Amino acid sequence: MGKDHIIGLTLTNSALEWTALEKAKDAIEVTDAGRAEVESRPSEEGGEAQVQAAAPGDLVAKNSAKLHGKVTLGLPSDQLLIRVVKLPAVPDEDLKGMVQLQVDKLSPFPIENMVVSYEILNKKDDSLLVLVAAAKNDVVDSTGKMLAQSKIFPSRVDANAVGWWRLFNDGGHVNKSGRQIFVIIADPVPDVIVSQDGIPVVFRSLSERGPLTSEEFYSEIARDVAYSLISLDLEKGGGQCTISVWYRGDEPVFLADRLKQECPCEVVLHSIDSIPPVTEGIARRTIDGGPLLDLTPESWRVSGGEKLFRHRMLMGAFIIIGIWTLCIVLFSGSLLYQERRVLSLNAELKNTQGPADEVMSIRKRVAIITRYSDRTRSSLECLREISMLLPEGVEITSFEYKRTGTPPGITINGQAPSVALVYEFKASLDSSKLFMKGTIKGPYEQKGRQVFQIDMRLPGGGE
């Protein structure tokens, strides 16, 4: 097996899928690919109930001989918290902390119980477009234990959604201008990817079909896509858009008709069988290398790499001993210099600490005075601005002024007779010079009214 032998792998409760790639010079070729599904058979009593004849772990064991190499495991979007966020351009060590904060705000679970990773999608001079993903430890570990029983230890854990994105890019299906929505109906839970000018800005999963009929299921998909489109229009503005539906099985004509009714976009249908499986997209990402999304738990790295670690330690023992001897000599020579340097710096610190503390104290007092003397963004000014911008028919049920926070802001709860009035109110607030651009939750119908919540940030201190 060549050193560049890469396997992309996905495992769900119903199927196992894999693709093996090998890089030879400048070419990449598929050396193996397959899909095994959990079979079912009638119950022994002869009734209509079906029971599984094989579990996912059995599929792994049966095909384990084909799955040994550098394995990348792909997780479906419904098992992940996945978002695309815009962050300031900062050093890598600071970016990791910012990503942790984003996940902590978005996730309902403690961040200590999750695996968090990120990947930079687009980089500008002053900002970064970052794909942030997180998964619960027990969700990833359950799959890892199943694979470990067959001596398979993935070297990286990826997201299926970005595997699909790689296939669409490589196949020339991504428009380099305008907005494009990819609806992927290949697994039990559909995926949606939205790109703007050839760059992905949204990854999300939709609802599982469950007991719904095909028409009900497709209607739900169309409504979800329409809601995503409205949210993007409010955030980034409207424009020309295309919806590409990638399906497995029969052509979803009903879904295409519903999408045309719900969304002002061109709708194009594609068979998912016309492109490679998602596991090939995952494997292509791995074989290219670079800083990629990696949701591998630390415990996996220890378990899967334990034998490899011991082997490398033995092979490098003599080299380490030689380097260690040289380091001792250099360390002994530099230790005396460092001690003298520390003494010098401590003396300098004592001379500057007093003036520095005094300056910091003055700055804090000045900041407090400035903040409390500036009434341009007080709670009364905010309420006055909201009253002037409030459309007729929209009612405010509560108003909360958040004095603390970075930056401070306001929260408005209200109700309106129609969705259009809610979005009109939100647009007016966004255009106000008093507030920064905010976020909206809802609207959703409650007792015949459209209930909503709007959070607006203030650019400076409050009252």
Protein backbone atom coordinates (compact mmCIF):
# COMPACT_ATOMS: atom_id res chain seq x y z
CA MET A 1 0.00 0.00 0.00
CA GLY A 2 1.59 3.31 -1.09
CA LYS A 3 2.48 6.06 1.35
CA ASP A 4 -0.10 8.35 -0.26
CA HIS A 5 -2.94 5.83 0.10
CA ILE A 6 -5.86 7.87 1.49
CA ILE A 7 -9.31 6.56 2.46
CA GLY A 8 -12.42 8.70 2.88
CA LEU A 9 -15.01 6.98 5.07
CA THR A 10 -18.54 7.67 6.29
CA LEU A 11 -20.55 5.52 8.68
CA THR A 12 -24.20 5.93 9.65
CA ASN A 13 -26.81 3.68 11.24
CA SER A 14 -27.86 2.53 7.79
CA ALA A 15 -24.73 2.43 5.58
CA LEU A 16 -20.94 2.33 5.30
CA GLU A 17 -19.30 4.12 2.37
CA TRP A 18 -15.63 4.48 1.46
CA THR A 19 -13.32 5.65 -1.32
CA ALA A 20 -9.56 4.97 -1.50
CA LEU A 21 -7.27 7.32 -3.43
CA GLU A 22 -3.61 7.01 -4.29
CA LYS A 23 -1.37 9.83 -5.41
CA ALA A 24 1.18 8.94 -8.07
CA LYS A 25 3.30 11.87 -9.27
CA ASP A 26 0.79 14.58 -10.33
CA ALA A 27 -2.21 12.28 -10.74
CA ILE A 28 -4.77 11.03 -8.23
CA GLU A 29 -6.57 7.79 -8.96
CA VAL A 30 -9.35 5.88 -7.23
CA THR A 31 -8.00 2.49 -6.14
CA ASP A 32 -11.15 1.27 -4.39
CA ALA A 33 -14.67 2.44 -3.61
CA GLY A 34 -17.74 0.82 -2.16
CA ARG A 35 -20.96 1.19 -0.24
CA ALA A 36 -22.50 -1.39 2.09
CA GLU A 37 -25.96 -0.92 3.54
CA VAL A 38 -27.52 -2.47 6.63
CA GLU A 39 -29.76 -5.27 5.45
CA SER A 40 -33.11 -6.17 6.96
CA ARG A 41 -35.21 -9.31 6.87
CA PRO A 42 -38.73 -10.26 8.01
CA SER A 43 -39.13 -11.17 11.67
CA GLU A 44 -39.11 -14.85 12.57
CA GLU A 45 -42.82 -14.70 13.39
CA GLY A 46 -43.47 -13.88 9.73
CA GLY A 47 -45.08 -10.54 10.44
CA GLU A 48 -44.56 -7.31 8.56
CA ALA A 49 -42.09 -5.92 11.11
CA GLN A 50 -38.52 -5.78 9.89
CA VAL A 51 -35.43 -6.43 11.99
CA GLN A 52 -31.85 -5.60 11.13
CA ALA A 53 -29.74 -8.52 9.95
CA ALA A 54 -26.49 -6.55 10.38
CA ALA A 55 -25.44 -3.60 12.50
CA PRO A 56 -23.10 -0.81 11.32
CA GLY A 57 -20.27 -2.41 13.30
CA ASP A 58 -20.80 -5.65 11.38
CA LEU A 59 -20.42 -3.77 8.09
CA VAL A 60 -17.10 -2.34 9.28
CA ALA A 61 -15.82 -5.77 10.36
CA LYS A 62 -16.89 -7.36 7.08
CA ASN A 63 -15.09 -4.72 4.97
CA SER A 64 -12.20 -3.94 7.34
CA ALA A 65 -9.56 -5.36 4.99
CA LYS A 66 -10.36 -2.53 2.55
CA LEU A 67 -10.30 0.20 5.19
CA HIS A 68 -6.71 0.12 6.47
CA GLY A 69 -4.64 3.11 5.45
CA LYS A 70 -4.71 6.80 6.27
CA VAL A 71 -8.42 7.05 7.03
CA THR A 72 -10.41 10.28 7.18
CA LEU A 73 -13.84 9.89 8.77
CA GLY A 74 -16.65 12.15 7.56
CA LEU A 75 -19.51 13.12 9.90
CA PRO A 76 -22.99 14.14 8.66
CA SER A 77 -24.11 17.70 9.33
CA ASP A 78 -26.92 16.65 11.69
CA GLN A 79 -24.24 15.38 14.11
CA LEU A 80 -22.37 18.69 14.03
CA LEU A 81 -22.74 22.31 15.03
CA ILE A 82 -21.43 23.94 11.85
CA ARG A 83 -21.37 27.64 11.01
CA VAL A 84 -19.54 30.06 8.71
CA VAL A 85 -18.52 33.20 10.60
CA LYS A 86 -16.66 36.37 9.71
CA LEU A 87 -13.82 37.16 12.11
CA PRO A 88 -11.07 39.79 12.18
CA ALA A 89 -7.68 38.83 10.74
CA VAL A 90 -5.68 37.82 13.83
CA PRO A 91 -2.73 35.47 14.54
CA ASP A 92 -3.51 31.74 14.66
CA GLU A 93 -3.17 31.53 18.44
CA ASP A 94 -5.78 34.30 18.87
CA LEU A 95 -8.07 32.86 16.18
CA LYS A 96 -8.37 29.57 18.08
CA GLY A 97 -9.62 31.44 21.15
CA MET A 98 -12.13 33.42 19.09
CA VAL A 99 -13.48 30.19 17.59
CA GLN A 100 -13.88 28.70 21.07
CA LEU A 101 -15.91 31.75 22.11
CA GLN A 102 -18.15 31.47 19.03
CA VAL A 103 -18.91 27.81 19.78
CA ASP A 104 -19.52 28.59 23.45
CA LYS A 105 -22.16 31.17 22.41
CA LEU A 106 -23.83 28.95 19.80
CA SER A 107 -23.79 25.54 21.49
CA PRO A 108 -26.33 24.45 24.12
CA PHE A 109 -23.72 22.02 25.49
CA PRO A 110 -20.64 22.82 27.62
CA ILE A 111 -17.64 23.36 25.39
CA GLU A 112 -15.64 20.99 27.62
CA ASN A 113 -17.81 18.14 26.29
CA MET A 114 -17.19 18.99 22.62
CA VAL A 115 -14.50 18.69 19.97
CA VAL A 116 -14.03 22.04 18.21
CA SER A 117 -12.16 22.82 15.00
CA TYR A 118 -12.11 25.40 12.24
CA GLU A 119 -10.96 26.01 8.67
CA ILE A 120 -10.31 29.32 6.92
CA LEU A 121 -12.47 29.54 3.77
CA ASN A 122 -11.44 33.00 2.58
CA LYS A 123 -8.82 35.48 3.75
CA LYS A 124 -8.73 39.26 3.31
CA ASP A 125 -6.40 41.92 4.68
CA ASP A 126 -8.65 42.74 7.63
CA SER A 127 -11.03 39.78 7.95
CA LEU A 128 -11.34 36.01 7.69
CA LEU A 129 -14.27 33.85 6.59
CA VAL A 130 -14.02 30.83 8.89
CA LEU A 131 -15.85 27.50 8.88
CA VAL A 132 -16.41 26.54 12.53
CA ALA A 133 -17.50 23.03 13.47
CA ALA A 134 -18.07 21.24 16.77
CA ALA A 135 -19.28 17.79 17.77
CA LYS A 136 -20.16 16.23 21.11
CA ASN A 137 -17.41 13.95 22.38
CA ASP A 138 -19.75 11.00 22.91
CA VAL A 139 -21.09 11.25 19.33
CA VAL A 140 -17.58 11.06 17.84
CA ASP A 141 -16.38 8.48 20.36
CA SER A 142 -19.25 6.08 19.60
CA THR A 143 -18.18 5.93 15.96
CA GLY A 144 -14.51 5.73 16.94
CA LYS A 145 -15.10 2.75 19.24
CA MET A 146 -17.00 0.96 16.48
CA LEU A 147 -14.07 1.44 14.08
CA ALA A 148 -11.46 0.58 16.73
CA GLN A 149 -13.01 -2.88 17.15
CA SER A 150 -11.79 -3.58 13.60
CA LYS A 151 -8.37 -1.93 14.27
CA ILE A 152 -9.28 1.16 12.25
CA PHE A 153 -8.03 4.47 13.72
CA PRO A 154 -8.94 7.56 11.64
CA SER A 155 -6.16 10.12 11.40
CA ARG A 156 -8.65 12.98 10.86
CA VAL A 157 -12.37 13.62 11.32
CA ASP A 158 -13.99 15.84 8.67
CA ALA A 159 -17.51 17.05 7.83
CA ASN A 160 -19.44 15.49 4.95
CA ALA A 161 -20.73 18.93 3.94
CA VAL A 162 -17.26 20.19 2.99
CA GLY A 163 -16.66 16.92 1.14
CA TRP A 164 -19.70 17.69 -1.00
CA TRP A 165 -18.45 21.24 -1.51
CA ARG A 166 -15.10 19.89 -2.75
CA LEU A 167 -16.86 17.65 -5.30
CA PHE A 168 -19.04 20.51 -6.59
CA ASN A 169 -15.94 22.70 -6.97
CA ASP A 170 -13.88 20.04 -8.71
CA GLY A 171 -16.79 19.20 -11.02
CA GLY A 172 -17.22 22.82 -12.15
CA HIS A 173 -20.72 23.10 -10.66
CA VAL A 174 -20.04 26.24 -8.57
CA ASN A 175 -20.95 29.63 -10.03
CA LYS A 176 -18.19 32.18 -9.52
CA SER A 177 -20.67 35.06 -9.33
CA GLY A 178 -24.07 35.45 -7.70
CA ARG A 179 -25.74 33.35 -5.03
CA GLN A 180 -26.11 29.59 -5.39
CA ILE A 181 -27.95 27.20 -3.10
CA PHE A 182 -27.08 23.48 -3.16
CA VAL A 183 -29.78 21.17 -1.75
CA ILE A 184 -28.32 17.68 -1.25
CA ILE A 185 -30.81 14.84 -0.77
CA ALA A 186 -28.45 11.87 -0.57
CA ASP A 187 -28.68 10.84 3.09
CA PRO A 188 -31.60 10.57 5.55
CA VAL A 189 -30.98 14.19 6.58
CA PRO A 190 -30.69 16.64 3.64
CA ASP A 191 -27.87 19.24 3.54
CA VAL A 192 -27.93 22.83 2.31
CA ILE A 193 -24.82 24.72 1.17
CA VAL A 194 -25.07 28.37 0.11
CA SER A 195 -22.26 30.06 -1.82
CA GLN A 196 -21.82 33.74 -2.63
CA ASP A 197 -19.58 34.51 -5.61
CA GLY A 198 -18.03 31.04 -5.42
CA ILE A 199 -17.34 31.12 -1.65
CA PRO A 200 -19.45 29.05 0.79
CA VAL A 201 -21.26 31.19 3.38
CA VAL A 202 -23.75 28.68 4.86
CA PHE A 203 -23.58 24.98 5.75
CA ARG A 204 -26.62 23.50 7.49
CA SER A 205 -28.69 20.33 7.76
CA LEU A 206 -32.47 20.17 7.34
CA SER A 207 -35.06 18.04 9.11
CA GLU A 208 -35.13 14.27 8.72
CA ARG A 209 -38.05 12.91 6.74
CA GLY A 210 -39.43 10.72 9.54
CA PRO A 211 -43.11 9.81 9.05
CA LEU A 212 -43.76 12.55 6.46
CA THR A 213 -44.92 11.73 2.95
CA SER A 214 -42.71 12.72 0.03
CA GLU A 215 -44.81 15.80 -0.71
CA GLU A 216 -44.81 16.89 2.93
CA PHE A 217 -41.07 16.30 3.17
CA TYR A 218 -40.33 18.31 0.02
CA SER A 219 -42.62 21.11 1.20
CA GLU A 220 -40.62 21.32 4.44
CA ILE A 221 -37.38 21.50 2.46
CA ALA A 222 -38.74 24.28 0.24
CA ARG A 223 -39.85 26.32 3.27
CA ASP A 224 -36.45 25.88 4.96
CA VAL A 225 -34.61 26.96 1.82
CA ALA A 226 -36.89 30.01 1.47
CA TYR A 227 -36.26 30.99 5.08
CA SER A 228 -32.48 30.69 4.54
CA LEU A 229 -32.75 32.86 1.44
CA ILE A 230 -34.72 35.56 3.29
CA SER A 231 -32.13 35.59 6.10
CA LEU A 232 -29.30 35.98 3.59
CA ASP A 233 -31.15 38.75 1.74
CA LEU A 234 -31.49 40.67 5.00
CA GLU A 235 -27.86 40.13 5.92
CA LYS A 236 -26.07 40.43 2.59
CA GLY A 237 -28.68 41.90 0.23
CA GLY A 238 -30.56 40.24 -2.60
CA GLY A 239 -29.52 39.43 -6.14
CA GLN A 240 -29.55 36.73 -8.76
CA CYS A 241 -29.63 33.20 -7.34
CA THR A 242 -29.70 29.60 -8.51
CA ILE A 243 -30.89 26.51 -6.63
CA SER A 244 -29.16 23.22 -7.52
CA VAL A 245 -30.95 20.16 -6.19
CA TRP A 246 -28.81 16.99 -6.00
CA TYR A 247 -30.95 13.91 -5.44
CA ARG A 248 -30.64 10.15 -5.22
CA GLY A 249 -33.35 7.99 -6.80
CA ASP A 250 -36.41 9.38 -8.57
CA GLU A 251 -36.36 12.94 -9.86
CA PRO A 252 -38.04 15.22 -7.24
CA VAL A 253 -40.24 17.18 -9.63
CA PHE A 254 -42.60 18.18 -6.83
CA LEU A 255 -39.69 19.67 -4.86
CA ALA A 256 -38.58 21.68 -7.90
CA ASP A 257 -42.10 23.10 -8.29
CA ARG A 258 -42.32 24.03 -4.60
CA LEU A 259 -38.90 25.72 -4.68
CA LYS A 260 -39.97 27.78 -7.69
CA GLN A 261 -43.10 28.86 -5.77
CA GLU A 262 -41.23 29.72 -2.55
CA CYS A 263 -38.03 31.23 -3.98
CA PRO A 264 -37.38 33.72 -6.81
CA CYS A 265 -34.55 31.56 -8.17
CA GLU A 266 -33.78 29.30 -11.11
CA VAL A 267 -34.07 25.64 -10.02
CA VAL A 268 -31.91 22.93 -11.61
CA LEU A 269 -32.10 19.19 -10.81
CA HIS A 270 -29.02 16.91 -10.82
CA SER A 271 -28.67 13.23 -10.04
CA ILE A 272 -26.20 12.68 -7.21
CA ASP A 273 -24.96 9.64 -9.11
CA SER A 274 -23.46 11.97 -11.76
CA ILE A 275 -20.67 12.97 -9.35
CA PRO A 276 -18.38 10.82 -7.16
CA PRO A 277 -19.50 9.83 -3.65
CA VAL A 278 -18.92 12.25 -0.78
CA THR A 279 -16.14 10.00 0.54
CA GLU A 280 -14.06 10.87 -2.52
CA GLY A 281 -14.44 14.56 -1.74
CA ILE A 282 -13.29 13.90 1.85
CA ALA A 283 -10.30 11.87 0.63
CA ARG A 284 -9.32 14.55 -1.92
CA ARG A 285 -9.21 17.16 0.84
CA THR A 286 -6.92 14.95 2.91
CA ILE A 287 -4.58 14.07 0.05
CA ASP A 288 -4.07 17.79 -0.73
CA GLY A 289 -3.08 18.49 2.89
CA GLY A 290 -2.93 21.94 4.47
CA PRO A 291 -4.72 23.40 7.52
CA LEU A 292 -8.04 21.55 7.37
CA LEU A 293 -11.01 21.01 9.64
CA ASP A 294 -10.11 18.25 12.12
CA LEU A 295 -12.59 17.03 14.74
CA THR A 296 -10.36 14.18 15.95
CA PRO A 297 -10.60 13.80 19.75
CA GLU A 298 -7.29 13.85 21.58
CA SER A 299 -7.99 10.37 22.96
CA TRP A 300 -8.08 8.99 19.40
CA ARG A 301 -4.67 10.41 18.63
CA VAL A 302 -3.25 8.60 21.63
CA SER A 303 -4.98 5.27 20.94
CA GLY A 304 -4.49 5.13 17.21
CA GLY A 305 -0.94 6.44 17.20
CA GLU A 306 0.41 4.59 20.22
CA LYS A 307 2.18 1.84 18.26
CA LEU A 308 3.45 4.29 15.65
CA PHE A 309 4.76 6.54 18.42
CA ARG A 310 6.74 3.73 20.08
CA HIS A 311 8.21 2.71 16.73
CA ARG A 312 9.36 6.23 15.98
CA MET A 313 10.80 6.61 19.46
CA LEU A 314 12.95 3.52 19.01
CA MET A 315 14.11 4.55 15.54
CA GLY A 316 15.07 8.03 16.74
CA ALA A 317 16.62 7.09 20.08
CA PHE A 318 20.24 7.47 19.00
CA ILE A 319 19.57 10.75 17.24
CA ILE A 320 17.80 12.12 20.32
CA ILE A 321 20.69 11.14 22.59
CA GLY A 322 23.16 13.00 20.35
CA ILE A 323 20.95 16.09 20.16
CA TRP A 324 20.38 15.98 23.90
CA THR A 325 24.13 15.98 24.60
CA LEU A 326 24.57 19.02 22.38
CA CYS A 327 21.63 20.77 24.06
CA ILE A 328 23.17 20.27 27.50
CA VAL A 329 26.37 22.00 26.38
CA LEU A 330 24.47 24.90 24.83
CA PHE A 331 22.11 25.18 27.78
CA SER A 332 24.95 25.35 30.29
CA GLY A 333 26.52 28.20 28.32
CA SER A 334 23.29 30.14 27.97
CA LEU A 335 22.06 29.64 31.54
CA LEU A 336 24.50 32.13 33.02
CA TYR A 337 23.57 34.73 30.37
CA GLN A 338 19.87 34.24 31.08
CA GLU A 339 20.34 34.69 34.84
CA ARG A 340 22.16 37.96 34.32
CA ARG A 341 19.51 39.11 31.85
CA VAL A 342 16.71 38.33 34.33
CA LEU A 343 18.40 40.37 37.05
CA SER A 344 18.72 43.30 34.67
CA LEU A 345 15.08 43.10 33.59
CA ASN A 346 13.82 42.84 37.17
CA ALA A 347 15.70 46.02 38.07
CA GLU A 348 14.24 47.79 35.04
CA LEU A 349 10.74 46.54 35.93
CA LYS A 350 10.94 47.99 39.43
CA ASN A 351 11.88 51.39 38.00
CA THR A 352 8.97 51.46 35.52
CA GLN A 353 6.22 49.67 37.47
CA GLY A 354 5.21 52.67 39.59
CA PRO A 355 4.75 55.17 36.71
CA ALA A 356 2.97 52.50 34.63
CA ASP A 357 0.46 51.77 37.40
CA GLU A 358 -0.23 55.49 37.78
CA VAL A 359 -0.87 55.91 34.04
CA MET A 360 -3.28 52.93 34.01
CA SER A 361 -5.17 54.39 36.98
CA ILE A 362 -5.56 57.75 35.21
CA ARG A 363 -6.78 56.04 32.02
CA LYS A 364 -9.42 54.10 33.92
CA ARG A 365 -10.74 57.27 35.61
CA VAL A 366 -10.82 59.15 32.29
CA ALA A 367 -12.71 56.25 30.65
CA ILE A 368 -15.32 56.24 33.43
CA ILE A 369 -15.84 60.01 33.23
CA THR A 370 -16.11 59.89 29.42
CA ARG A 371 -18.62 57.08 29.48
CA TYR A 372 -20.91 58.66 32.06
CA SER A 373 -20.81 62.13 30.47
CA ASP A 374 -21.77 60.90 26.99
CA ARG A 375 -25.59 60.67 26.83
CA THR A 376 -25.87 60.24 23.05
CA ARG A 377 -26.56 56.52 23.44
CA SER A 378 -28.46 56.47 26.73
CA SER A 379 -31.49 54.26 27.24
CA LEU A 380 -33.85 57.24 26.68
CA GLU A 381 -32.13 58.12 23.39
CA CYS A 382 -32.41 54.50 22.26
CA LEU A 383 -36.11 54.38 23.17
CA ARG A 384 -36.70 57.67 21.37
CA GLU A 385 -35.01 56.38 18.21
CA ILE A 386 -37.02 53.15 18.31
CA SER A 387 -40.29 55.06 18.69
CA MET A 388 -39.47 57.22 15.65
CA LEU A 389 -38.63 54.16 13.51
CA LEU A 390 -41.56 51.99 14.68
CA PRO A 391 -43.92 51.20 11.75
CA GLU A 392 -47.63 51.57 12.29
CA GLY A 393 -49.12 48.31 13.53
CA VAL A 394 -45.96 47.03 15.22
CA GLU A 395 -46.19 46.78 19.01
CA ILE A 396 -43.26 46.69 21.43
CA THR A 397 -43.94 44.31 24.32
CA SER A 398 -40.62 44.78 26.13
CA PHE A 399 -37.46 46.85 25.85
CA GLU A 400 -34.20 45.95 27.59
CA TYR A 401 -31.19 48.26 27.70
CA LYS A 402 -27.98 46.36 28.36
CA ARG A 403 -25.55 48.75 29.93
CA THR A 404 -22.77 46.20 30.38
CA GLY A 405 -21.19 44.08 27.68
CA THR A 406 -18.72 44.59 24.90
CA PRO A 407 -20.30 46.43 23.28
CA PRO A 408 -23.58 47.21 25.15
CA GLY A 409 -26.88 46.94 23.35
CA ILE A 410 -30.66 46.64 23.48
CA THR A 411 -33.18 43.83 23.16
CA ILE A 412 -36.63 44.52 21.71
CA ASN A 413 -39.51 42.05 21.96
CA GLY A 414 -42.64 42.78 20.00
CA GLN A 415 -45.43 41.63 17.73
CA ALA A 416 -46.87 42.68 14.39
CA PRO A 417 -49.78 41.73 12.16
CA SER A 418 -47.46 40.63 9.32
CA VAL A 419 -43.94 39.38 8.62
CA ALA A 420 -43.30 42.26 6.22
CA LEU A 421 -43.77 44.87 8.98
CA VAL A 422 -41.27 43.01 11.19
CA TYR A 423 -38.59 43.05 8.51
CA GLU A 424 -39.39 46.68 7.69
CA PHE A 425 -38.81 47.56 11.35
CA LYS A 426 -35.54 45.57 11.40
CA ALA A 427 -34.30 47.31 8.23
CA SER A 428 -35.07 50.73 9.75
CA LEU A 429 -33.07 49.87 12.86
CA ASP A 430 -30.12 48.64 10.75
CA SER A 431 -30.08 51.94 8.84
CA SER A 432 -30.11 54.03 12.03
CA LYS A 433 -26.85 55.80 12.88
CA LEU A 434 -27.47 55.14 16.57
CA PHE A 435 -27.20 51.34 16.34
CA MET A 436 -24.86 48.81 14.80
CA LYS A 437 -26.31 46.12 12.60
CA GLY A 438 -28.26 43.66 14.76
CA THR A 439 -29.88 40.23 14.68
CA ILE A 440 -33.46 39.02 14.66
CA LYS A 441 -35.13 35.92 16.09
CA GLY A 442 -38.37 35.00 14.41
CA PRO A 443 -40.82 36.13 13.39
CA TYR A 444 -43.10 33.23 14.23
CA GLU A 445 -46.87 33.13 14.52
CA GLN A 446 -48.48 33.22 17.95
CA LYS A 447 -52.20 33.74 18.41
CA GLY A 448 -52.54 35.28 14.97
CA ARG A 449 -49.65 37.75 15.48
CA GLN A 450 -46.02 37.63 14.29
CA VAL A 451 -43.84 37.56 17.40
CA PHE A 452 -40.17 38.60 17.15
CA GLN A 453 -37.08 39.58 19.10
CA ILE A 454 -34.44 42.01 17.81
CA ASP A 455 -30.98 42.46 19.36
CA MET A 456 -29.14 45.68 18.39
CA ARG A 457 -25.64 46.58 19.45
CA LEU A 458 -24.40 50.04 20.40
CA PRO A 459 -21.00 51.04 18.99
CA GLY A 460 -19.85 52.76 22.21
CA GLY A 461 -20.63 52.82 25.91
CA GLY A 462 -24.11 53.25 27.26
CA GLU A 463 -25.40 55.49 29.97
